[in-house]
Amino acid sequence: MRQGILGGALLWEKHAHLLRPIVEYWRLDPGLAELWAGLMATYTTATAAKIRADQRSGLIAAELDADNIAAALTWLGERLYYLAAIGVPPFDDRSTLVETLTSIWMKTLYGRTA
């Protein structure tokens, strides 16, 4: 989990000059909205599939709604990566960003922190 979140943070750091304007303006341009919403849907779908797999194996509580939780966690990550990219404390510190997101994902999905 931590490695995936770190990978997201590194991707945002490397490509902030492209990702920031997308996040800031995607709702204003239909083509950009389709691109960004589609990309986020891809991440959300993959996350929901992992949640369902872990629910089947008993690692995640069956009562969690995989689609809704996946969407919330995915969009939360997008927002915090964006805040880091624009230098908003405390998320401008990579280790704080990664630890915070990892803790939220782990606690939400598995009932524990990493």
PDB file of N, CA and C in Angstrom:
ATOM      1  N   MET A   1       0.832  -1.187   0.000  1.00  0.00           N
ATOM      2  CA  MET A   1       0.000   0.000   0.000  1.00  0.00           C
ATOM      3  C   MET A   1       0.877   1.250   0.000  1.00  0.00           C
ATOM      4  N   ARG A   2       1.825   1.278   0.931  1.00  0.00           N
ATOM      5  CA  ARG A   2       2.706   2.452   1.049  1.00  0.00           C
ATOM      6  C   ARG A   2       3.483   2.686  -0.246  1.00  0.00           C
ATOM      7  N   GLN A   3       3.952   1.622  -0.868  1.00  0.00           N
ATOM      8  CA  GLN A   3       4.730   1.775  -2.104  1.00  0.00           C
ATOM      9  C   GLN A   3       3.871   2.358  -3.232  1.00  0.00           C
ATOM     10  N   GLY A   4       2.635   1.935  -3.331  1.00  0.00           N
ATOM     11  CA  GLY A   4       1.736   2.479  -4.347  1.00  0.00           C
ATOM     12  C   GLY A   4       1.447   3.948  -4.125  1.00  0.00           C
ATOM     13  N   ILE A   5       1.241   4.312  -2.877  1.00  0.00           N
ATOM     14  CA  ILE A   5       0.982   5.713  -2.539  1.00  0.00           C
ATOM     15  C   ILE A   5       2.228   6.556  -2.779  1.00  0.00           C
ATOM     16  N   LEU A   6       3.381   6.022  -2.407  1.00  0.00           N
ATOM     17  CA  LEU A   6       4.632   6.721  -2.692  1.00  0.00           C
ATOM     18  C   LEU A   6       4.809   6.910  -4.200  1.00  0.00           C
ATOM     19  N   GLY A   7       4.482   5.885  -4.971  1.00  0.00           N
ATOM     20  CA  GLY A   7       4.563   5.998  -6.422  1.00  0.00           C
ATOM     21  C   GLY A   7       3.686   7.114  -6.955  1.00  0.00           C
ATOM     22  N   GLY A   8       2.494   7.248  -6.390  1.00  0.00           N
ATOM     23  CA  GLY A   8       1.611   8.341  -6.778  1.00  0.00           C
ATOM     24  C   GLY A   8       2.207   9.694  -6.434  1.00  0.00           C
ATOM     25  N   ALA A   9       2.793   9.794  -5.247  1.00  0.00           N
ATOM     26  CA  ALA A   9       3.423  11.051  -4.828  1.00  0.00           C
ATOM     27  C   ALA A   9       4.575  11.414  -5.752  1.00  0.00           C
ATOM     28  N   LEU A  10       5.387  10.439  -6.105  1.00  0.00           N
ATOM     29  CA  LEU A  10       6.521  10.693  -7.001  1.00  0.00           C
ATOM     30  C   LEU A  10       6.043  11.085  -8.397  1.00  0.00           C
ATOM     31  N   LEU A  11       4.999  10.437  -8.869  1.00  0.00           N
ATOM     32  CA  LEU A  11       4.436  10.786 -10.165  1.00  0.00           C
ATOM     33  C   LEU A  11       3.948  12.236 -10.165  1.00  0.00           C
ATOM     34  N   TRP A  12       3.243  12.615  -9.103  1.00  0.00           N
ATOM     35  CA  TRP A  12       2.748  13.986  -9.009  1.00  0.00           C
ATOM     36  C   TRP A  12       3.905  14.981  -8.909  1.00  0.00           C
ATOM     37  N   GLU A  13       4.938  14.648  -8.172  1.00  0.00           N
ATOM     38  CA  GLU A  13       6.092  15.549  -8.078  1.00  0.00           C
ATOM     39  C   GLU A  13       6.724  15.746  -9.449  1.00  0.00           C
ATOM     40  N   LYS A  14       6.899  14.667 -10.178  1.00  0.00           N
ATOM     41  CA  LYS A  14       7.567  14.733 -11.468  1.00  0.00           C
ATOM     42  C   LYS A  14       6.724  15.467 -12.516  1.00  0.00           C
ATOM     43  N   HIS A  15       5.411  15.296 -12.461  1.00  0.00           N
ATOM     44  CA  HIS A  15       4.534  15.825 -13.503  1.00  0.00           C
ATOM     45  C   HIS A  15       3.564  16.893 -12.993  1.00  0.00           C
ATOM     46  N   ALA A  16       3.896  17.534 -11.900  1.00  0.00           N
ATOM     47  CA  ALA A  16       3.004  18.550 -11.320  1.00  0.00           C
ATOM     48  C   ALA A  16       2.663  19.646 -12.314  1.00  0.00           C
ATOM     49  N   HIS A  17       3.614  20.001 -13.159  1.00  0.00           N
ATOM     50  CA  HIS A  17       3.378  21.068 -14.141  1.00  0.00           C
ATOM     51  C   HIS A  17       2.255  20.702 -15.122  1.00  0.00           C
ATOM     52  N   LEU A  18       2.002  19.425 -15.318  1.00  0.00           N
ATOM     53  CA  LEU A  18       0.900  18.975 -16.169  1.00  0.00           C
ATOM     54  C   LEU A  18      -0.363  18.660 -15.367  1.00  0.00           C
ATOM     55  N   LEU A  19      -0.183  18.056 -14.202  1.00  0.00           N
ATOM     56  CA  LEU A  19      -1.323  17.596 -13.417  1.00  0.00           C
ATOM     57  C   LEU A  19      -2.071  18.738 -12.728  1.00  0.00           C
ATOM     58  N   ARG A  20      -1.344  19.734 -12.255  1.00  0.00           N
ATOM     59  CA  ARG A  20      -2.009  20.860 -11.581  1.00  0.00           C
ATOM     60  C   ARG A  20      -3.044  21.532 -12.467  1.00  0.00           C
ATOM     61  N   PRO A  21      -2.707  21.935 -13.692  1.00  0.00           N
ATOM     62  CA  PRO A  21      -3.731  22.576 -14.520  1.00  0.00           C
ATOM     63  C   PRO A  21      -4.902  21.655 -14.860  1.00  0.00           C
ATOM     64  N   ILE A  22      -4.629  20.374 -15.004  1.00  0.00           N
ATOM     65  CA  ILE A  22      -5.735  19.445 -15.263  1.00  0.00           C
ATOM     66  C   ILE A  22      -6.705  19.468 -14.097  1.00  0.00           C
ATOM     67  N   VAL A  23      -6.186  19.347 -12.876  1.00  0.00           N
ATOM     68  CA  VAL A  23      -7.044  19.330 -11.694  1.00  0.00           C
ATOM     69  C   VAL A  23      -7.780  20.664 -11.531  1.00  0.00           C
ATOM     70  N   GLU A  24      -7.105  21.741 -11.859  1.00  0.00           N
ATOM     71  CA  GLU A  24      -7.708  23.064 -11.679  1.00  0.00           C
ATOM     72  C   GLU A  24      -8.782  23.383 -12.722  1.00  0.00           C
ATOM     73  N   TYR A  25      -8.689  22.793 -13.912  1.00  0.00           N
ATOM     74  CA  TYR A  25      -9.583  23.198 -14.999  1.00  0.00           C
ATOM     75  C   TYR A  25     -10.401  22.087 -15.640  1.00  0.00           C
ATOM     76  N   TRP A  26     -10.308  20.861 -15.139  1.00  0.00           N
ATOM     77  CA  TRP A  26     -10.965  19.759 -15.828  1.00  0.00           C
ATOM     78  C   TRP A  26     -12.479  19.924 -15.918  1.00  0.00           C
ATOM     79  N   ARG A  27     -13.070  20.598 -14.982  1.00  0.00           N
ATOM     80  CA  ARG A  27     -14.531  20.776 -15.002  1.00  0.00           C
ATOM     81  C   ARG A  27     -14.967  21.845 -16.005  1.00  0.00           C
ATOM     82  N   LEU A  28     -14.041  22.606 -16.554  1.00  0.00           N
ATOM     83  CA  LEU A  28     -14.374  23.694 -17.475  1.00  0.00           C
ATOM     84  C   LEU A  28     -14.306  23.299 -18.949  1.00  0.00           C
ATOM     85  N   ASP A  29     -13.690  22.170 -19.232  1.00  0.00           N
ATOM     86  CA  ASP A  29     -13.506  21.744 -20.612  1.00  0.00           C
ATOM     87  C   ASP A  29     -14.033  20.321 -20.770  1.00  0.00           C
ATOM     88  N   PRO A  30     -15.008  20.105 -21.646  1.00  0.00           N
ATOM     89  CA  PRO A  30     -15.601  18.767 -21.774  1.00  0.00           C
ATOM     90  C   PRO A  30     -14.585  17.672 -22.118  1.00  0.00           C
ATOM     91  N   GLY A  31     -13.639  17.954 -22.988  1.00  0.00           N
ATOM     92  CA  GLY A  31     -12.636  16.949 -23.342  1.00  0.00           C
ATOM     93  C   GLY A  31     -11.727  16.620 -22.181  1.00  0.00           C
ATOM     94  N   LEU A  32     -11.314  17.647 -21.471  1.00  0.00           N
ATOM     95  CA  LEU A  32     -10.460  17.444 -20.301  1.00  0.00           C
ATOM     96  C   LEU A  32     -11.233  16.734 -19.191  1.00  0.00           C
ATOM     97  N   ALA A  33     -12.509  17.089 -19.043  1.00  0.00           N
ATOM     98  CA  ALA A  33     -13.354  16.421 -18.042  1.00  0.00           C
ATOM     99  C   ALA A  33     -13.472  14.935 -18.341  1.00  0.00           C
ATOM    100  N   GLU A  34     -13.668  14.612 -19.613  1.00  0.00           N
ATOM    101  CA  GLU A  34     -13.767  13.203 -20.000  1.00  0.00           C
ATOM    102  C   GLU A  34     -12.455  12.470 -19.722  1.00  0.00           C
ATOM    103  N   LEU A  35     -11.341  13.104 -20.061  1.00  0.00           N
ATOM    104  CA  LEU A  35     -10.027  12.505 -19.824  1.00  0.00           C
ATOM    105  C   LEU A  35      -9.793  12.261 -18.339  1.00  0.00           C
ATOM    106  N   TRP A  36      -9.973  13.302 -17.510  1.00  0.00           N
ATOM    107  CA  TRP A  36      -9.658  13.186 -16.087  1.00  0.00           C
ATOM    108  C   TRP A  36     -10.629  12.253 -15.373  1.00  0.00           C
ATOM    109  N   ALA A  37     -11.912  12.400 -15.650  1.00  0.00           N
ATOM    110  CA  ALA A  37     -12.899  11.516 -15.017  1.00  0.00           C
ATOM    111  C   ALA A  37     -12.649  10.068 -15.426  1.00  0.00           C
ATOM    112  N   GLY A  38     -12.267   9.851 -16.672  1.00  0.00           N
ATOM    113  CA  GLY A  38     -11.965   8.497 -17.131  1.00  0.00           C
ATOM    114  C   GLY A  38     -10.749   7.911 -16.442  1.00  0.00           C
ATOM    115  N   LEU A  39      -9.720   8.733 -16.295  1.00  0.00           N
ATOM    116  CA  LEU A  39      -8.516   8.277 -15.596  1.00  0.00           C
ATOM    117  C   LEU A  39      -8.830   7.939 -14.142  1.00  0.00           C
ATOM    118  N   MET A  40      -9.574   8.819 -13.480  1.00  0.00           N
ATOM    119  CA  MET A  40      -9.932   8.566 -12.085  1.00  0.00           C
ATOM    120  C   MET A  40     -10.828   7.333 -11.969  1.00  0.00           C
ATOM    121  N   ALA A  41     -11.703   7.133 -12.948  1.00  0.00           N
ATOM    122  CA  ALA A  41     -12.560   5.941 -12.945  1.00  0.00           C
ATOM    123  C   ALA A  41     -11.729   4.676 -13.079  1.00  0.00           C
ATOM    124  N   THR A  42     -10.650   4.738 -13.854  1.00  0.00           N
ATOM    125  CA  THR A  42      -9.760   3.589 -13.996  1.00  0.00           C
ATOM    126  C   THR A  42      -9.146   3.224 -12.651  1.00  0.00           C
ATOM    127  N   TYR A  43      -8.647   4.225 -11.933  1.00  0.00           N
ATOM    128  CA  TYR A  43      -8.072   3.975 -10.602  1.00  0.00           C
ATOM    129  C   TYR A  43      -9.135   3.465  -9.636  1.00  0.00           C
ATOM    130  N   THR A  44     -10.318   4.059  -9.698  1.00  0.00           N
ATOM    131  CA  THR A  44     -11.398   3.658  -8.800  1.00  0.00           C
ATOM    132  C   THR A  44     -11.829   2.220  -9.067  1.00  0.00           C
ATOM    133  N   THR A  45     -11.948   1.857 -10.333  1.00  0.00           N
ATOM    134  CA  THR A  45     -12.348   0.492 -10.697  1.00  0.00           C
ATOM    135  C   THR A  45     -11.313  -0.523 -10.214  1.00  0.00           C
ATOM    136  N   ALA A  46     -10.041  -0.216 -10.401  1.00  0.00           N
ATOM    137  CA  ALA A  46      -8.979  -1.122  -9.942  1.00  0.00           C
ATOM    138  C   ALA A  46      -9.000  -1.256  -8.418  1.00  0.00           C
ATOM    139  N   THR A  47      -9.224  -0.148  -7.734  1.00  0.00           N
ATOM    140  CA  THR A  47      -9.286  -0.181  -6.265  1.00  0.00           C
ATOM    141  C   THR A  47     -10.485  -1.001  -5.803  1.00  0.00           C
ATOM    142  N   ALA A  48     -11.642  -0.795  -6.429  1.00  0.00           N
ATOM    143  CA  ALA A  48     -12.841  -1.557  -6.058  1.00  0.00           C
ATOM    144  C   ALA A  48     -12.632  -3.049  -6.286  1.00  0.00           C
ATOM    145  N   ALA A  49     -11.953  -3.406  -7.364  1.00  0.00           N
ATOM    146  CA  ALA A  49     -11.680  -4.827  -7.629  1.00  0.00           C
ATOM    147  C   ALA A  49     -10.795  -5.419  -6.533  1.00  0.00           C
ATOM    148  N   LYS A  50      -9.794  -4.675  -6.095  1.00  0.00           N
ATOM    149  CA  LYS A  50      -8.915  -5.146  -5.015  1.00  0.00           C
ATOM    150  C   LYS A  50      -9.697  -5.270  -3.706  1.00  0.00           C
ATOM    151  N   ILE A  51     -10.561  -4.305  -3.439  1.00  0.00           N
ATOM    152  CA  ILE A  51     -11.384  -4.376  -2.225  1.00  0.00           C
ATOM    153  C   ILE A  51     -12.255  -5.625  -2.264  1.00  0.00           C
ATOM    154  N   ARG A  52     -12.904  -5.881  -3.380  1.00  0.00           N
ATOM    155  CA  ARG A  52     -13.768  -7.073  -3.486  1.00  0.00           C
ATOM    156  C   ARG A  52     -12.966  -8.365  -3.302  1.00  0.00           C
ATOM    157  N   ALA A  53     -11.785  -8.411  -3.881  1.00  0.00           N
ATOM    158  CA  ALA A  53     -10.941  -9.602  -3.721  1.00  0.00           C
ATOM    159  C   ALA A  53     -10.578  -9.799  -2.255  1.00  0.00           C
ATOM    160  N   ASP A  54     -10.225  -8.720  -1.582  1.00  0.00           N
ATOM    161  CA  ASP A  54      -9.873  -8.827  -0.166  1.00  0.00           C
ATOM    162  C   ASP A  54     -11.102  -9.081   0.702  1.00  0.00           C
ATOM    163  N   GLN A  55     -12.283  -8.663   0.251  1.00  0.00           N
ATOM    164  CA  GLN A  55     -13.507  -9.020   0.971  1.00  0.00           C
ATOM    165  C   GLN A  55     -13.766 -10.520   0.849  1.00  0.00           C
ATOM    166  N   ARG A  56     -13.575 -11.058  -0.330  1.00  0.00           N
ATOM    167  CA  ARG A  56     -13.788 -12.504  -0.520  1.00  0.00           C
ATOM    168  C   ARG A  56     -12.839 -13.336   0.335  1.00  0.00           C
ATOM    169  N   SER A  57     -11.621 -12.820   0.527  1.00  0.00           N
ATOM    170  CA  SER A  57     -10.659 -13.573   1.344  1.00  0.00           C
ATOM    171  C   SER A  57     -10.778 -13.254   2.826  1.00  0.00           C
ATOM    172  N   GLY A  58     -11.697 -12.374   3.194  1.00  0.00           N
ATOM    173  CA  GLY A  58     -11.930 -12.050   4.598  1.00  0.00           C
ATOM    174  C   GLY A  58     -11.023 -10.974   5.172  1.00  0.00           C
ATOM    175  N   LEU A  59     -10.200 -10.353   4.345  1.00  0.00           N
ATOM    176  CA  LEU A  59      -9.296  -9.310   4.847  1.00  0.00           C
ATOM    177  C   LEU A  59      -9.990  -7.975   5.060  1.00  0.00           C
ATOM    178  N   ILE A  60     -11.052  -7.733   4.298  1.00  0.00           N
ATOM    179  CA  ILE A  60     -11.828  -6.497   4.403  1.00  0.00           C
ATOM    180  C   ILE A  60     -13.263  -6.873   4.734  1.00  0.00           C
ATOM    181  N   ALA A  61     -13.879  -6.095   5.610  1.00  0.00           N
ATOM    182  CA  ALA A  61     -15.254  -6.363   6.026  1.00  0.00           C
ATOM    183  C   ALA A  61     -16.191  -6.388   4.825  1.00  0.00           C
ATOM    184  N   ALA A  62     -17.049  -7.375   4.785  1.00  0.00           N
ATOM    185  CA  ALA A  62     -17.969  -7.566   3.665  1.00  0.00           C
ATOM    186  C   ALA A  62     -18.969  -6.424   3.533  1.00  0.00           C
ATOM    187  N   GLU A  63     -19.276  -5.749   4.633  1.00  0.00           N
ATOM    188  CA  GLU A  63     -20.302  -4.700   4.582  1.00  0.00           C
ATOM    189  C   GLU A  63     -19.821  -3.389   3.949  1.00  0.00           C
ATOM    190  N   LEU A  64     -18.533  -3.242   3.741  1.00  0.00           N
ATOM    191  CA  LEU A  64     -18.046  -2.038   3.067  1.00  0.00           C
ATOM    192  C   LEU A  64     -18.506  -2.048   1.616  1.00  0.00           C
ATOM    193  N   ASP A  65     -19.013  -0.931   1.142  1.00  0.00           N
ATOM    194  CA  ASP A  65     -19.406  -0.804  -0.255  1.00  0.00           C
ATOM    195  C   ASP A  65     -18.146  -0.527  -1.072  1.00  0.00           C
ATOM    196  N   ALA A  66     -17.700  -1.527  -1.813  1.00  0.00           N
ATOM    197  CA  ALA A  66     -16.419  -1.444  -2.517  1.00  0.00           C
ATOM    198  C   ALA A  66     -16.357  -0.259  -3.475  1.00  0.00           C
ATOM    199  N   ASP A  67     -17.426  -0.023  -4.212  1.00  0.00           N
ATOM    200  CA  ASP A  67     -17.411   1.063  -5.197  1.00  0.00           C
ATOM    201  C   ASP A  67     -17.329   2.433  -4.532  1.00  0.00           C
ATOM    202  N   ASN A  68     -18.140   2.646  -3.511  1.00  0.00           N
ATOM    203  CA  ASN A  68     -18.156   3.948  -2.845  1.00  0.00           C
ATOM    204  C   ASN A  68     -16.872   4.220  -2.076  1.00  0.00           C
ATOM    205  N   ILE A  69     -16.376   3.217  -1.378  1.00  0.00           N
ATOM    206  CA  ILE A  69     -15.125   3.377  -0.636  1.00  0.00           C
ATOM    207  C   ILE A  69     -13.967   3.607  -1.610  1.00  0.00           C
ATOM    208  N   ALA A  70     -13.939   2.862  -2.697  1.00  0.00           N
ATOM    209  CA  ALA A  70     -12.880   3.037  -3.697  1.00  0.00           C
ATOM    210  C   ALA A  70     -12.913   4.445  -4.274  1.00  0.00           C
ATOM    211  N   ALA A  71     -14.093   4.933  -4.598  1.00  0.00           N
ATOM    212  CA  ALA A  71     -14.207   6.288  -5.147  1.00  0.00           C
ATOM    213  C   ALA A  71     -13.736   7.325  -4.135  1.00  0.00           C
ATOM    214  N   ALA A  72     -14.160   7.183  -2.889  1.00  0.00           N
ATOM    215  CA  ALA A  72     -13.760   8.150  -1.856  1.00  0.00           C
ATOM    216  C   ALA A  72     -12.249   8.146  -1.652  1.00  0.00           C
ATOM    217  N   LEU A  73     -11.656   6.971  -1.566  1.00  0.00           N
ATOM    218  CA  LEU A  73     -10.214   6.895  -1.343  1.00  0.00           C
ATOM    219  C   LEU A  73      -9.426   7.404  -2.548  1.00  0.00           C
ATOM    220  N   THR A  74      -9.894   7.087  -3.726  1.00  0.00           N
ATOM    221  CA  THR A  74      -9.205   7.537  -4.932  1.00  0.00           C
ATOM    222  C   THR A  74      -9.249   9.059  -5.051  1.00  0.00           C
ATOM    223  N   TRP A  75     -10.422   9.637  -4.854  1.00  0.00           N
ATOM    224  CA  TRP A  75     -10.540  11.094  -4.960  1.00  0.00           C
ATOM    225  C   TRP A  75      -9.838  11.803  -3.807  1.00  0.00           C
ATOM    226  N   LEU A  76      -9.807  11.187  -2.637  1.00  0.00           N
ATOM    227  CA  LEU A  76      -9.033  11.754  -1.527  1.00  0.00           C
ATOM    228  C   LEU A  76      -7.560  11.833  -1.901  1.00  0.00           C
ATOM    229  N   GLY A  77      -7.041  10.756  -2.470  1.00  0.00           N
ATOM    230  CA  GLY A  77      -5.649  10.757  -2.909  1.00  0.00           C
ATOM    231  C   GLY A  77      -5.384  11.845  -3.933  1.00  0.00           C
ATOM    232  N   GLU A  78      -6.280  11.973  -4.909  1.00  0.00           N
ATOM    233  CA  GLU A  78      -6.120  13.013  -5.937  1.00  0.00           C
ATOM    234  C   GLU A  78      -6.011  14.386  -5.289  1.00  0.00           C
ATOM    235  N   ARG A  79      -6.880  14.652  -4.336  1.00  0.00           N
ATOM    236  CA  ARG A  79      -6.894  15.970  -3.689  1.00  0.00           C
ATOM    237  C   ARG A  79      -5.624  16.199  -2.877  1.00  0.00           C
ATOM    238  N   LEU A  80      -5.177  15.197  -2.128  1.00  0.00           N
ATOM    239  CA  LEU A  80      -3.979  15.391  -1.307  1.00  0.00           C
ATOM    240  C   LEU A  80      -2.722  15.487  -2.159  1.00  0.00           C
ATOM    241  N   TYR A  81      -2.645  14.709  -3.239  1.00  0.00           N
ATOM    242  CA  TYR A  81      -1.509  14.862  -4.155  1.00  0.00           C
ATOM    243  C   TYR A  81      -1.501  16.270  -4.755  1.00  0.00           C
ATOM    244  N   TYR A  82      -2.665  16.775  -5.096  1.00  0.00           N
ATOM    245  CA  TYR A  82      -2.765  18.133  -5.633  1.00  0.00           C
ATOM    246  C   TYR A  82      -2.322  19.157  -4.593  1.00  0.00           C
ATOM    247  N   LEU A  83      -2.794  19.027  -3.371  1.00  0.00           N
ATOM    248  CA  LEU A  83      -2.392  19.956  -2.307  1.00  0.00           C
ATOM    249  C   LEU A  83      -0.887  19.925  -2.100  1.00  0.00           C
ATOM    250  N   ALA A  84      -0.303  18.750  -2.173  1.00  0.00           N
ATOM    251  CA  ALA A  84       1.161  18.642  -2.077  1.00  0.00           C
ATOM    252  C   ALA A  84       1.826  19.374  -3.233  1.00  0.00           C
ATOM    253  N   ALA A  85       1.264  19.227  -4.431  1.00  0.00           N
ATOM    254  CA  ALA A  85       1.855  19.838  -5.625  1.00  0.00           C
ATOM    255  C   ALA A  85       1.830  21.355  -5.590  1.00  0.00           C
ATOM    256  N   ILE A  86       0.846  21.913  -4.871  1.00  0.00           N
ATOM    257  CA  ILE A  86       0.785  23.377  -4.776  1.00  0.00           C
ATOM    258  C   ILE A  86       1.394  23.889  -3.468  1.00  0.00           C
ATOM    259  N   GLY A  87       2.011  22.991  -2.709  1.00  0.00           N
ATOM    260  CA  GLY A  87       2.772  23.398  -1.534  1.00  0.00           C
ATOM    261  C   GLY A  87       1.978  23.689  -0.285  1.00  0.00           C
ATOM    262  N   VAL A  88       0.828  23.025  -0.124  1.00  0.00           N
ATOM    263  CA  VAL A  88      -0.005  23.250   1.061  1.00  0.00           C
ATOM    264  C   VAL A  88       0.447  22.327   2.189  1.00  0.00           C
ATOM    265  N   PRO A  89       0.909  22.913   3.325  1.00  0.00           N
ATOM    266  CA  PRO A  89       1.287  22.094   4.477  1.00  0.00           C
ATOM    267  C   PRO A  89       0.060  21.407   5.067  1.00  0.00           C
ATOM    268  N   PRO A  90       0.200  20.276   5.669  1.00  0.00           N
ATOM    269  CA  PRO A  90       1.424  19.521   5.882  1.00  0.00           C
ATOM    270  C   PRO A  90       1.772  18.595   4.722  1.00  0.00           C
ATOM    271  N   PHE A  91       0.946  18.629   3.652  1.00  0.00           N
ATOM    272  CA  PHE A  91       1.098  17.649   2.584  1.00  0.00           C
ATOM    273  C   PHE A  91       2.242  17.971   1.630  1.00  0.00           C
ATOM    274  N   ASP A  92       2.853  19.140   1.795  1.00  0.00           N
ATOM    275  CA  ASP A  92       4.023  19.475   0.977  1.00  0.00           C
ATOM    276  C   ASP A  92       5.253  18.671   1.399  1.00  0.00           C
ATOM    277  N   ASP A  93       5.163  17.997   2.529  1.00  0.00           N
ATOM    278  CA  ASP A  93       6.216  17.085   2.977  1.00  0.00           C
ATOM    279  C   ASP A  93       5.841  15.679   2.500  1.00  0.00           C
ATOM    280  N   ARG A  94       6.656  15.114   1.623  1.00  0.00           N
ATOM    281  CA  ARG A  94       6.327  13.821   1.008  1.00  0.00           C
ATOM    282  C   ARG A  94       6.069  12.742   2.054  1.00  0.00           C
ATOM    283  N   SER A  95       6.892  12.640   3.074  1.00  0.00           N
ATOM    284  CA  SER A  95       6.695  11.562   4.048  1.00  0.00           C
ATOM    285  C   SER A  95       5.382  11.745   4.809  1.00  0.00           C
ATOM    286  N   THR A  96       5.013  12.970   5.104  1.00  0.00           N
ATOM    287  CA  THR A  96       3.724  13.224   5.763  1.00  0.00           C
ATOM    288  C   THR A  96       2.578  12.828   4.850  1.00  0.00           C
ATOM    289  N   LEU A  97       2.674  13.216   3.589  1.00  0.00           N
ATOM    290  CA  LEU A  97       1.649  12.872   2.611  1.00  0.00           C
ATOM    291  C   LEU A  97       1.483  11.357   2.511  1.00  0.00           C
ATOM    292  N   VAL A  98       2.585  10.655   2.334  1.00  0.00           N
ATOM    293  CA  VAL A  98       2.539   9.199   2.159  1.00  0.00           C
ATOM    294  C   VAL A  98       2.037   8.507   3.413  1.00  0.00           C
ATOM    295  N   GLU A  99       2.531   8.908   4.567  1.00  0.00           N
ATOM    296  CA  GLU A  99       2.092   8.276   5.816  1.00  0.00           C
ATOM    297  C   GLU A  99       0.623   8.547   6.097  1.00  0.00           C
ATOM    298  N   THR A 100       0.166   9.760   5.805  1.00  0.00           N
ATOM    299  CA  THR A 100      -1.234  10.100   6.044  1.00  0.00           C
ATOM    300  C   THR A 100      -2.147   9.278   5.146  1.00  0.00           C
ATOM    301  N   LEU A 101      -1.857   9.262   3.859  1.00  0.00           N
ATOM    302  CA  LEU A 101      -2.693   8.478   2.952  1.00  0.00           C
ATOM    303  C   LEU A 101      -2.632   6.986   3.262  1.00  0.00           C
ATOM    304  N   THR A 102      -1.451   6.480   3.565  1.00  0.00           N
ATOM    305  CA  THR A 102      -1.325   5.062   3.903  1.00  0.00           C
ATOM    306  C   THR A 102      -2.152   4.724   5.134  1.00  0.00           C
ATOM    307  N   SER A 103      -2.081   5.558   6.148  1.00  0.00           N
ATOM    308  CA  SER A 103      -2.856   5.318   7.373  1.00  0.00           C
ATOM    309  C   SER A 103      -4.349   5.328   7.101  1.00  0.00           C
ATOM    310  N   ILE A 104      -4.809   6.296   6.314  1.00  0.00           N
ATOM    311  CA  ILE A 104      -6.239   6.385   6.011  1.00  0.00           C
ATOM    312  C   ILE A 104      -6.701   5.152   5.224  1.00  0.00           C
ATOM    313  N   TRP A 105      -5.952   4.789   4.185  1.00  0.00           N
ATOM    314  CA  TRP A 105      -6.336   3.611   3.392  1.00  0.00           C
ATOM    315  C   TRP A 105      -6.326   2.346   4.242  1.00  0.00           C
ATOM    316  N   MET A 106      -5.276   2.143   5.010  1.00  0.00           N
ATOM    317  CA  MET A 106      -5.167   0.920   5.819  1.00  0.00           C
ATOM    318  C   MET A 106      -6.255   0.851   6.886  1.00  0.00           C
ATOM    319  N   LYS A 107      -6.501   1.950   7.566  1.00  0.00           N
ATOM    320  CA  LYS A 107      -7.519   1.962   8.628  1.00  0.00           C
ATOM    321  C   LYS A 107      -8.912   1.764   8.027  1.00  0.00           C
ATOM    322  N   THR A 108      -9.181   2.446   6.911  1.00  0.00           N
ATOM    323  CA  THR A 108     -10.481   2.324   6.277  1.00  0.00           C
ATOM    324  C   THR A 108     -10.734   0.915   5.773  1.00  0.00           C
ATOM    325  N   LEU A 109      -9.754   0.341   5.124  1.00  0.00           N
ATOM    326  CA  LEU A 109      -9.962  -0.961   4.485  1.00  0.00           C
ATOM    327  C   LEU A 109      -9.719  -2.147   5.408  1.00  0.00           C
ATOM    328  N   TYR A 110      -8.692  -2.066   6.220  1.00  0.00           N
ATOM    329  CA  TYR A 110      -8.268  -3.243   6.988  1.00  0.00           C
ATOM    330  C   TYR A 110      -8.432  -3.066   8.505  1.00  0.00           C
ATOM    331  N   GLY A 111      -8.911  -1.895   8.917  1.00  0.00           N
ATOM    332  CA  GLY A 111      -9.154  -1.671  10.333  1.00  0.00           C
ATOM    333  C   GLY A 111      -7.913  -1.477  11.164  1.00  0.00           C
ATOM    334  N   ARG A 112      -6.796  -1.181  10.492  1.00  0.00           N
ATOM    335  CA  ARG A 112      -5.542  -0.960  11.213  1.00  0.00           C
ATOM    336  C   ARG A 112      -4.696   0.023  10.432  1.00  0.00           C
ATOM    337  N   THR A 113      -3.724   0.600  11.102  1.00  0.00           N
ATOM    338  CA  THR A 113      -2.791   1.460  10.403  1.00  0.00           C
ATOM    339  C   THR A 113      -1.561   0.651  10.051  1.00  0.00           C
ATOM    340  N   ALA A 114      -0.828   1.169   9.082  1.00  0.00           N
ATOM    341  CA  ALA A 114       0.349   0.428   8.618  1.00  0.00           C
ATOM    342  C   ALA A 114       1.531   0.613   9.542  1.00  0.00           C
TER     343      ALA A 114
END
